[in-house]
N, C-alpha and C. Protein backbone atom coordinates (compact mmCIF):
# COMPACT_ATOMS: atom_id res chain seq x y z
N MET A 1 0.66 -1.01 -0.15
CA MET A 1 0.05 -0.10 -0.06
C MET A 1 1.01 1.32 -0.04
N ASN A 2 0.40 2.12 -0.84
CA ASN A 2 1.24 3.38 -0.90
C ASN A 2 0.68 4.42 -0.02
N GLU A 3 1.24 5.24 0.44
CA GLU A 3 0.87 6.05 1.67
C GLU A 3 -0.07 7.19 0.85
N ASN A 4 0.14 7.35 -0.34
CA ASN A 4 -0.45 8.42 -1.15
C ASN A 4 -2.03 7.96 -2.04
N GLN A 5 -1.95 6.55 -1.76
CA GLN A 5 -3.05 5.96 -2.48
C GLN A 5 -4.58 6.32 -1.95
N LYS A 6 -5.11 6.73 -2.86
CA LYS A 6 -6.53 7.28 -2.67
C LYS A 6 -7.52 6.18 -2.60
N ILE A 7 -7.60 5.10 -2.98
CA ILE A 7 -8.55 4.09 -3.27
C ILE A 7 -7.95 2.68 -2.45
N LEU A 8 -8.55 2.14 -1.46
CA LEU A 8 -7.94 1.11 -1.16
C LEU A 8 -8.70 -0.46 -1.47
N ASN A 9 -8.05 -1.44 -1.62
CA ASN A 9 -8.88 -2.65 -2.08
C ASN A 9 -8.79 -3.49 -0.71
N CYS A 10 -9.38 -4.75 -0.80
CA CYS A 10 -9.46 -5.51 0.34
C CYS A 10 -8.12 -6.15 0.88
N ASN A 11 -6.95 -6.23 0.04
CA ASN A 11 -5.70 -6.61 0.51
C ASN A 11 -5.25 -5.44 1.40
N ASP A 12 -5.35 -4.19 1.06
CA ASP A 12 -4.97 -3.02 1.95
C ASP A 12 -5.75 -2.90 3.11
N VAL A 13 -7.08 -3.26 3.13
CA VAL A 13 -7.74 -2.97 4.52
C VAL A 13 -7.43 -4.16 5.42
N MET A 14 -7.14 -5.32 4.73
CA MET A 14 -6.82 -6.51 5.60
C MET A 14 -5.27 -6.26 6.31
N LYS A 15 -4.41 -5.42 5.58
CA LYS A 15 -3.07 -5.08 6.59
C LYS A 15 -3.37 -3.77 7.31
N ILE A 16 -4.08 -3.10 6.88
CA ILE A 16 -4.36 -1.92 7.86
C ILE A 16 -4.91 -2.38 9.24
N LEU A 17 -6.24 -3.16 8.95
CA LEU A 17 -6.74 -3.52 10.19
C LEU A 17 -6.40 -5.08 10.82
N LYS A 18 -5.43 -5.58 10.07
CA LYS A 18 -4.84 -7.05 10.43
C LYS A 18 -6.31 -7.63 10.69
N CYS A 19 -6.89 -7.98 9.68
CA CYS A 19 -8.00 -8.98 9.89
C CYS A 19 -8.19 -9.71 8.55
N LYS A 20 -8.95 -10.56 8.67
CA LYS A 20 -9.25 -11.60 7.48
C LYS A 20 -9.98 -11.11 6.25
N LYS A 21 -9.82 -11.82 5.10
CA LYS A 21 -10.22 -11.10 3.99
C LYS A 21 -11.80 -10.99 4.07
N SER A 22 -12.69 -11.99 4.61
CA SER A 22 -13.78 -11.80 4.71
C SER A 22 -14.47 -10.52 5.67
N LYS A 23 -13.78 -10.19 6.74
CA LYS A 23 -14.04 -9.15 7.55
C LYS A 23 -13.64 -7.81 6.73
N ALA A 24 -12.65 -7.80 5.90
CA ALA A 24 -12.19 -6.81 5.13
C ALA A 24 -13.57 -6.30 4.19
N TYR A 25 -13.97 -7.43 3.37
CA TYR A 25 -14.86 -7.33 2.45
C TYR A 25 -15.94 -6.70 3.20
N GLU A 26 -16.42 -7.30 4.52
CA GLU A 26 -17.66 -6.63 5.10
C GLU A 26 -17.54 -5.26 5.30
N ILE A 27 -16.38 -4.92 5.95
CA ILE A 27 -16.10 -3.35 6.28
C ILE A 27 -16.22 -2.29 5.06
N ILE A 28 -15.61 -3.14 3.95
CA ILE A 28 -15.77 -2.18 2.64
C ILE A 28 -17.35 -2.15 2.17
N LYS A 29 -17.88 -3.22 2.22
CA LYS A 29 -19.35 -3.18 1.90
C LYS A 29 -20.20 -2.13 2.76
N THR A 30 -20.06 -2.19 3.93
CA THR A 30 -20.86 -1.47 4.86
C THR A 30 -20.26 0.08 4.63
N LEU A 31 -19.28 0.37 4.46
CA LEU A 31 -18.71 1.57 4.18
C LEU A 31 -19.48 2.29 2.73
N ASN A 32 -19.09 1.24 1.90
CA ASN A 32 -19.50 1.79 0.46
C ASN A 32 -21.29 2.14 0.65
N CYS A 33 -21.97 1.23 1.21
CA CYS A 33 -23.46 1.42 1.54
C CYS A 33 -23.60 2.72 2.16
N GLU A 34 -22.72 3.21 3.21
CA GLU A 34 -22.90 4.65 3.69
C GLU A 34 -22.69 5.79 2.74
N LEU A 35 -21.65 5.32 1.92
CA LEU A 35 -21.33 6.49 0.89
C LEU A 35 -22.30 6.51 -0.06
N LYS A 36 -23.14 5.40 -0.50
CA LYS A 36 -24.21 5.17 -1.69
C LYS A 36 -25.28 6.20 -0.89
N GLU A 37 -25.60 6.06 0.22
CA GLU A 37 -26.87 6.70 0.83
C GLU A 37 -26.56 7.95 1.01
N LYS A 38 -25.25 8.70 0.98
CA LYS A 38 -24.92 9.99 0.84
C LYS A 38 -24.97 10.42 -0.44
N GLY A 39 -25.20 9.64 -1.70
CA GLY A 39 -25.15 9.80 -2.92
C GLY A 39 -23.85 9.90 -3.96
N TYR A 40 -22.76 9.17 -3.23
CA TYR A 40 -21.66 9.00 -3.77
C TYR A 40 -21.37 7.94 -4.66
N LEU A 41 -21.03 7.70 -5.78
CA LEU A 41 -20.68 6.72 -6.65
C LEU A 41 -19.62 5.69 -5.93
N THR A 42 -19.89 4.36 -5.91
CA THR A 42 -18.87 3.53 -5.31
C THR A 42 -18.28 2.37 -6.07
N ILE A 43 -17.22 1.72 -5.84
CA ILE A 43 -16.66 0.40 -6.27
C ILE A 43 -16.75 -0.61 -5.68
N ASN A 44 -17.27 -1.47 -5.98
CA ASN A 44 -17.38 -2.74 -5.32
C ASN A 44 -15.93 -3.39 -5.01
N GLY A 45 -15.77 -3.58 -3.58
CA GLY A 45 -14.26 -4.12 -3.18
C GLY A 45 -13.40 -3.14 -3.00
N LYS A 46 -13.71 -1.94 -3.23
CA LYS A 46 -12.80 -0.56 -3.07
C LYS A 46 -13.34 0.26 -2.13
N ILE A 47 -12.56 1.04 -1.54
CA ILE A 47 -12.97 2.33 -0.52
C ILE A 47 -11.86 3.30 -0.70
N PRO A 48 -12.59 4.69 -0.59
CA PRO A 48 -11.36 5.75 -0.59
C PRO A 48 -10.80 5.59 1.01
N SER A 49 -9.68 5.96 0.71
CA SER A 49 -8.73 5.78 2.06
C SER A 49 -9.08 6.66 3.11
N ASN A 50 -9.59 8.10 2.74
CA ASN A 50 -9.79 9.00 3.63
C ASN A 50 -11.04 8.69 4.22
N TYR A 51 -12.02 8.20 3.62
CA TYR A 51 -13.37 7.73 4.36
C TYR A 51 -13.21 6.57 5.29
N LEU A 52 -12.44 5.52 4.97
CA LEU A 52 -11.96 4.48 5.79
C LEU A 52 -11.24 4.88 6.81
N PHE A 53 -10.18 5.93 6.89
CA PHE A 53 -9.59 6.31 8.09
C PHE A 53 -10.40 7.30 8.96
N SER A 54 -11.17 8.21 8.42
CA SER A 54 -12.24 8.94 9.11
C SER A 54 -13.40 8.11 9.95
N ARG A 55 -13.75 7.21 9.40
CA ARG A 55 -14.78 6.33 10.06
C ARG A 55 -14.27 5.60 11.13
N LEU A 56 -13.08 5.05 10.81
CA LEU A 56 -12.48 4.23 12.07
C LEU A 56 -11.44 5.02 12.96
N ASN A 57 -11.28 6.42 12.71
CA ASN A 57 -10.66 7.36 13.55
C ASN A 57 -9.18 6.82 13.70
N ILE A 58 -8.57 6.67 12.47
CA ILE A 58 -7.24 6.33 11.91
C ILE A 58 -6.74 7.57 11.29
N GLN A 59 -5.31 7.86 11.67
CA GLN A 59 -4.78 9.11 11.30
C GLN A 59 -3.49 8.37 10.47
C-alpha cells in the first residue's frame, strides 16, 4: 500500500486492520453502503482511504 493511495482494496484493508479477507470485504461493503446513501458513486471491493480512516478514527 502506498501512503498516497486514494482508493484501497481488500488486501490494503486487511493489512491496515490486521483482519481476515471476509471481514475486510464486510467493512468495505458497509462503508460503501454509507457512501451510496450520501449520494456518492462506489466501486465494489474498494473504498476511499480518507473515508475508511475517518470512519475508523485512524490517522
